[in-house]
């Protein structure tokens, strides 16, 4: 396999860290690889779900006159999402396919060397022990082919920052800047993952409106699997149906008459037009849910 240009050789990172480069340059190596690892797994998940839906569509309505149009629209949707993932991944083009790229990233993460000792206080040695523990946990998840949770990555970053604070202001600033870049990349990644959910949800609503009940059940299953995979990344759908409107988590796009939803109380959510999402660990809103409420 050829080396991916995006991922710098970790051995060289360590050697340079001992010389002219900042001693915390190893942090860059970890964050780049973890970002790409989670991104590739999300890419695989979306493609797997879309391929299953395309196959089930063919089985359910393959003989219907509208099948070619449905199939064409779904393939366009899949291609659009694939392009979005590819833009974020930014492969060098040397690898033959995404599976080969995934194997390269996995090998690089598993071959990352332990953190070299840095000149720190006794408290700093404790931080290094925590960092080593987090790294081993990360390698364990990667070895099993699992995503690395945002919570675990954040804990690793926080420990590295705490260690840098005990070293120098320069080291602290270096790590903080890397964290800012990581956050920006992650926001783009999470937004794309949410777009993937929207794509599957759009297909579900189209099937519902078309009365394709059996195929709708297939899509519902795929949508549920995708939500579970989002949960592994630390992203959770906001529960809103039947609840009182909450301006922090919901945007009302209209109302419905009470006789249409007699079981729903006044100002409570009767319809969800677009799902909202939060970070599971912090509760921070990633996107408000778009809803309709009951009026009297």
Protein backbone atom coordinates (compact mmCIF):
# COMPACT_ATOMS: atom_id res chain seq x y z
CA UNK A 1 0.00 0.00 0.00
CA UNK A 2 1.14 3.50 -0.73
CA UNK A 3 1.46 6.09 1.99
CA UNK A 4 -1.31 8.67 2.27
CA UNK A 5 0.17 12.12 1.89
CA UNK A 6 -2.34 13.71 4.28
CA UNK A 7 -1.12 11.68 7.20
CA UNK A 8 2.40 12.67 8.21
CA UNK A 9 4.70 9.86 9.34
CA UNK A 10 4.44 9.75 13.11
CA UNK A 11 8.03 8.66 13.60
CA UNK A 12 9.23 11.83 11.90
CA UNK A 13 6.82 13.87 14.01
CA UNK A 14 8.42 12.50 17.15
CA UNK A 15 11.94 13.11 15.92
CA UNK A 16 11.14 16.69 14.96
CA UNK A 17 9.33 17.22 18.25
CA UNK A 18 12.63 16.58 20.02
CA UNK A 19 14.36 19.17 17.88
CA UNK A 20 13.10 22.44 16.47
CA UNK A 21 9.38 21.70 16.48
CA UNK A 22 7.08 22.20 19.42
CA UNK A 23 7.28 19.19 21.77
CA UNK A 24 3.50 18.85 21.53
CA UNK A 25 3.54 18.30 17.78
CA UNK A 26 2.62 14.67 18.43
CA UNK A 27 -0.86 16.01 19.19
CA UNK A 28 -1.32 16.88 15.51
CA UNK A 29 -0.57 13.29 14.52
CA UNK A 30 -3.25 11.90 16.82
CA UNK A 31 -5.99 14.35 15.92
CA UNK A 32 -5.48 14.02 12.14
CA UNK A 33 -5.73 10.26 12.26
CA UNK A 34 -8.70 10.12 14.60
CA UNK A 35 -10.62 12.64 12.49
CA UNK A 36 -10.04 10.64 9.32
CA UNK A 37 -10.82 7.32 11.01
CA UNK A 38 -14.24 8.47 12.24
CA UNK A 39 -14.95 10.17 8.93
CA UNK A 40 -14.27 7.04 6.89
CA UNK A 41 -16.48 4.92 9.17
CA UNK A 42 -19.32 7.45 8.83
CA UNK A 43 -18.82 7.36 5.05
CA UNK A 44 -19.08 3.57 5.08
CA UNK A 45 -22.17 3.66 7.27
CA UNK A 46 -24.05 6.04 4.99
CA UNK A 47 -23.10 4.13 1.84
CA UNK A 48 -24.09 0.81 3.40
CA UNK A 49 -27.50 2.17 4.36
CA UNK A 50 -28.08 3.73 0.93
CA UNK A 51 -27.01 0.55 -0.90
CA UNK A 52 -29.41 -1.51 1.24
CA UNK A 53 -32.22 0.95 0.49
CA UNK A 54 -31.53 0.87 -3.25
CA UNK A 55 -31.63 -2.93 -3.19
CA UNK A 56 -34.85 -3.02 -1.16
CA UNK A 57 -36.41 -0.45 -3.52
CA UNK A 58 -35.70 -2.74 -6.45
CA UNK A 59 -37.29 -5.70 -4.64
CA UNK A 60 -40.36 -3.77 -3.51
CA UNK A 61 -41.23 -1.66 -6.57
CA UNK A 62 -38.80 -2.77 -9.28
CA UNK A 63 -41.65 -3.57 -11.66
CA UNK A 64 -43.46 -0.26 -11.17
CA UNK A 65 -43.32 2.48 -13.81
CA UNK A 66 -41.98 5.03 -11.30
CA UNK A 67 -39.06 2.80 -10.19
CA UNK A 68 -36.45 4.30 -12.62
CA UNK A 69 -37.20 7.83 -11.40
CA UNK A 70 -36.98 6.85 -7.72
CA UNK A 71 -33.79 4.89 -8.32
CA UNK A 72 -32.20 7.75 -10.25
CA UNK A 73 -33.01 10.31 -7.55
CA UNK A 74 -31.62 8.08 -4.79
CA UNK A 75 -28.41 7.45 -6.71
CA UNK A 76 -27.98 11.21 -7.21
CA UNK A 77 -28.51 11.76 -3.50
CA UNK A 78 -25.97 9.08 -2.64
CA UNK A 79 -23.42 10.56 -5.06
CA UNK A 80 -23.90 14.05 -3.60
CA UNK A 81 -23.23 12.76 -0.07
CA UNK A 82 -20.24 10.72 -1.26
CA UNK A 83 -18.72 13.86 -2.77
CA UNK A 84 -19.20 15.67 0.54
CA UNK A 85 -17.35 12.95 2.44
CA UNK A 86 -14.60 12.85 -0.16
CA UNK A 87 -14.08 16.61 0.13
CA UNK A 88 -13.59 16.32 3.89
CA UNK A 89 -11.36 13.25 3.69
CA UNK A 90 -9.07 14.77 1.04
CA UNK A 91 -7.33 11.59 0.00
CA UNK A 92 -4.06 11.91 -1.91
CA UNK A 93 -5.41 9.72 -4.72
CA UNK A 94 -2.64 7.12 -4.40
CA UNK A 95 -4.85 4.51 -2.72
CA UNK A 96 -7.13 2.42 -4.91
CA UNK A 97 -10.32 2.74 -2.87
CA UNK A 98 -11.78 3.83 0.44
CA UNK A 99 -11.28 0.40 2.01
CA UNK A 100 -7.54 0.60 1.34
CA UNK A 101 -7.48 4.11 2.77
CA UNK A 102 -9.26 2.87 5.90
CA UNK A 103 -6.68 0.09 6.35
CA UNK A 104 -3.83 2.59 6.10
CA UNK A 105 -5.35 4.86 8.75
CA UNK A 106 -5.99 1.88 11.03
CA UNK A 107 -2.38 0.72 10.72
CA UNK A 108 -1.06 4.19 11.44
CA UNK A 109 -3.21 4.61 14.57
CA UNK A 110 -2.26 1.18 15.93
CA UNK A 111 1.42 1.87 15.24
CA UNK A 112 1.51 5.23 17.03
CA UNK A 113 4.31 5.12 19.55
CA UNK A 114 3.86 5.96 23.23
CA UNK A 115 4.25 9.57 24.26
CA UNK A 116 7.86 10.49 24.93
CA UNK A 117 8.60 11.87 28.39
CA UNK A 118 8.34 15.64 28.56
CA UNK A 119 9.83 17.95 31.15
CA UNK A 120 6.92 18.53 33.50
CA UNK A 121 6.05 18.73 37.18
CA UNK A 122 5.06 15.65 39.17
CA UNK A 123 1.44 16.48 38.35
CA UNK A 124 2.46 16.40 34.71
CA UNK A 125 3.58 12.80 35.08
CA UNK A 126 0.06 11.96 36.23
CA UNK A 127 -1.32 13.68 33.13
CA UNK A 128 1.02 11.63 30.94
CA UNK A 129 -0.31 8.47 32.57
CA UNK A 130 -3.88 9.56 31.78
CA UNK A 131 -2.90 10.34 28.19
CA UNK A 132 -1.33 6.90 27.79
CA UNK A 133 -4.53 5.31 29.14
CA UNK A 134 -6.71 7.26 26.71
CA UNK A 135 -4.44 6.32 23.80
CA UNK A 136 -4.65 2.63 24.67
CA UNK A 137 -8.43 2.88 24.86
CA UNK A 138 -8.50 4.60 21.47
CA UNK A 139 -6.32 1.91 19.91
CA UNK A 140 -8.60 -0.75 21.38
CA UNK A 141 -11.66 0.80 19.72
CA UNK A 142 -9.86 1.14 16.38
CA UNK A 143 -8.62 -2.45 16.53
CA UNK A 144 -12.24 -3.58 16.94
CA UNK A 145 -13.25 -1.43 13.98
CA UNK A 146 -15.30 0.94 16.14
CA UNK A 147 -15.64 4.69 15.99
CA UNK A 148 -13.73 6.62 18.61
CA UNK A 149 -16.24 8.57 20.71
CA UNK A 150 -16.06 12.35 20.78
CA UNK A 151 -16.05 12.12 24.58
CA UNK A 152 -12.89 10.01 24.59
CA UNK A 153 -11.16 12.30 22.08
CA UNK A 154 -12.14 15.34 24.16
CA UNK A 155 -10.73 13.71 27.31
CA UNK A 156 -7.45 13.06 25.50
CA UNK A 157 -7.33 16.67 24.29
CA UNK A 158 -8.09 18.05 27.74
CA UNK A 159 -5.31 15.99 29.34
CA UNK A 160 -2.81 17.13 26.69
CA UNK A 161 -3.83 20.76 27.26
CA UNK A 162 -3.47 20.38 31.04
CA UNK A 163 0.00 18.98 30.48
CA UNK A 164 0.93 21.83 28.14
CA UNK A 165 -0.22 24.41 30.68
CA UNK A 166 2.38 23.08 33.11
CA UNK A 167 5.10 23.44 30.48
CA UNK A 168 4.96 26.94 28.99
CA UNK A 169 2.61 29.55 27.57
CA UNK A 170 3.95 28.72 24.10
CA UNK A 171 3.05 25.05 24.49
CA UNK A 172 -0.38 25.94 25.85
CA UNK A 173 -1.09 28.24 22.90
CA UNK A 174 0.09 25.59 20.43
CA UNK A 175 -2.29 22.96 21.83
CA UNK A 176 -5.19 25.42 22.11
CA UNK A 177 -4.77 26.38 18.44
CA UNK A 178 -4.80 22.73 17.44
CA UNK A 179 -7.98 22.22 19.46
CA UNK A 180 -9.63 25.13 17.64
CA UNK A 181 -8.75 23.58 14.27
CA UNK A 182 -10.02 20.21 15.46
CA UNK A 183 -13.31 21.77 16.56
CA UNK A 184 -13.79 23.48 13.19
CA UNK A 185 -13.11 20.27 11.27
CA UNK A 186 -15.38 18.29 13.59
CA UNK A 187 -18.26 20.73 13.12
CA UNK A 188 -18.00 20.25 9.36
CA UNK A 189 -17.91 16.48 9.85
CA UNK A 190 -20.93 16.42 12.17
CA UNK A 191 -22.92 18.68 9.84
CA UNK A 192 -22.23 16.25 7.01
CA UNK A 193 -23.31 13.29 9.15
CA UNK A 194 -26.55 15.13 9.93
CA UNK A 195 -27.04 15.74 6.19
CA UNK A 196 -26.72 11.98 5.75
CA UNK A 197 -29.58 11.47 8.19
CA UNK A 198 -31.65 14.11 6.39
CA UNK A 199 -31.11 12.25 3.11
CA UNK A 200 -32.42 8.98 4.56
CA UNK A 201 -35.28 10.78 6.32
CA UNK A 202 -36.27 12.47 3.05
CA UNK A 203 -36.53 9.07 1.38
CA UNK A 204 -38.66 7.83 4.30
CA UNK A 205 -41.09 10.76 4.03
CA UNK A 206 -41.34 10.30 0.25
CA UNK A 207 -42.17 6.62 0.69
CA UNK A 208 -44.74 7.54 3.34
CA UNK A 209 -46.41 10.07 1.05
CA UNK A 210 -46.42 7.56 -1.80
CA UNK A 211 -48.07 4.86 0.29
CA UNK A 212 -45.14 2.43 -0.10
CA UNK A 213 -45.75 0.89 3.33
CA UNK A 214 -43.50 -2.15 3.09
CA UNK A 215 -40.54 -0.23 1.69
CA UNK A 216 -41.16 2.47 4.29
CA UNK A 217 -40.48 -0.14 6.96
CA UNK A 218 -37.10 -0.91 5.37
CA UNK A 219 -36.22 2.77 5.39
CA UNK A 220 -37.32 3.15 9.01
CA UNK A 221 -34.93 0.35 9.96
CA UNK A 222 -32.07 1.99 8.05
CA UNK A 223 -32.86 5.34 9.65
CA UNK A 224 -32.78 3.76 13.11
CA UNK A 225 -29.39 2.14 12.44
CA UNK A 226 -27.98 5.45 11.25
CA UNK A 227 -29.25 7.20 14.39
CA UNK A 228 -27.54 4.55 16.52
CA UNK A 229 -24.29 5.18 14.68
CA UNK A 230 -24.70 8.92 15.24
CA UNK A 231 -25.14 8.20 18.95
CA UNK A 232 -21.77 6.45 18.93
CA UNK A 233 -20.29 9.72 17.70
CA UNK A 234 -21.95 11.53 20.59
CA UNK A 235 -24.75 13.05 18.48
CA UNK A 236 -28.33 12.49 19.64
CA UNK A 237 -31.70 13.36 18.13
CA UNK A 238 -33.69 15.85 20.19
CA UNK A 239 -36.93 14.36 21.52
CA UNK A 240 -39.68 16.88 20.74
CA UNK A 241 -42.90 15.14 19.69
CA UNK A 242 -45.67 15.79 22.21
CA UNK A 243 -43.55 18.20 24.25
CA UNK A 244 -44.11 21.87 25.00
CA UNK A 245 -42.41 24.14 22.45
CA UNK A 246 -38.87 25.02 23.58
CA UNK A 247 -37.26 27.96 21.81
CA UNK A 248 -33.75 26.75 22.62
CA UNK A 249 -34.19 23.40 20.91
CA UNK A 250 -37.08 23.93 18.49
CA UNK A 251 -38.20 26.28 15.74
CA UNK A 252 -41.95 26.47 15.11
CA UNK A 253 -42.81 26.67 11.42
CA UNK A 254 -46.57 26.69 11.87
CA UNK A 255 -49.53 25.35 13.79
CA UNK A 256 -52.20 22.69 13.40
CA UNK A 257 -55.83 22.69 14.65
CA UNK A 258 -56.56 20.77 17.88
CA UNK A 259 -59.15 18.52 16.24
CA UNK A 260 -56.38 17.13 14.02
CA UNK A 261 -54.34 16.08 17.06
CA UNK A 262 -56.80 15.81 20.01
CA UNK A 263 -54.23 13.95 22.12
CA UNK A 264 -51.70 16.82 21.96
CA UNK A 265 -51.96 19.74 24.39
CA UNK A 266 -51.94 23.42 23.45
CA UNK A 267 -48.54 24.76 22.33
CA UNK A 268 -47.14 21.23 22.28
CA UNK A 269 -45.41 19.67 19.27
CA UNK A 270 -47.72 17.74 16.95
CA UNK A 271 -45.46 17.33 13.89
CA UNK A 272 -41.71 17.18 13.34
CA UNK A 273 -40.73 18.63 9.97
CA UNK A 274 -36.99 18.24 10.47
CA UNK A 275 -35.12 16.47 13.26
CA UNK A 276 -32.91 18.43 15.64
CA UNK A 277 -29.68 17.20 17.20
CA UNK A 278 -27.56 17.82 20.29
CA UNK A 279 -24.17 16.71 21.56
CA UNK A 280 -25.10 13.90 23.93
CA UNK A 281 -22.40 14.62 26.50
CA UNK A 282 -22.82 18.40 26.77
CA UNK A 283 -26.40 18.99 25.65
CA UNK A 284 -25.19 21.68 23.23
CA UNK A 285 -27.63 22.16 20.36
CA UNK A 286 -26.20 21.33 16.95
CA UNK A 287 -29.45 22.05 15.10
CA UNK A 288 -32.90 22.98 16.34
CA UNK A 289 -35.83 20.75 15.42
CA UNK A 290 -38.33 22.30 13.02
CA UNK A 291 -41.85 21.59 14.24
CA UNK A 292 -45.55 22.42 14.14
CA UNK A 293 -47.55 22.93 17.33
CA UNK A 294 -51.21 22.75 18.32
CA UNK A 295 -53.16 25.99 18.70
CA UNK A 296 -56.55 26.67 20.25
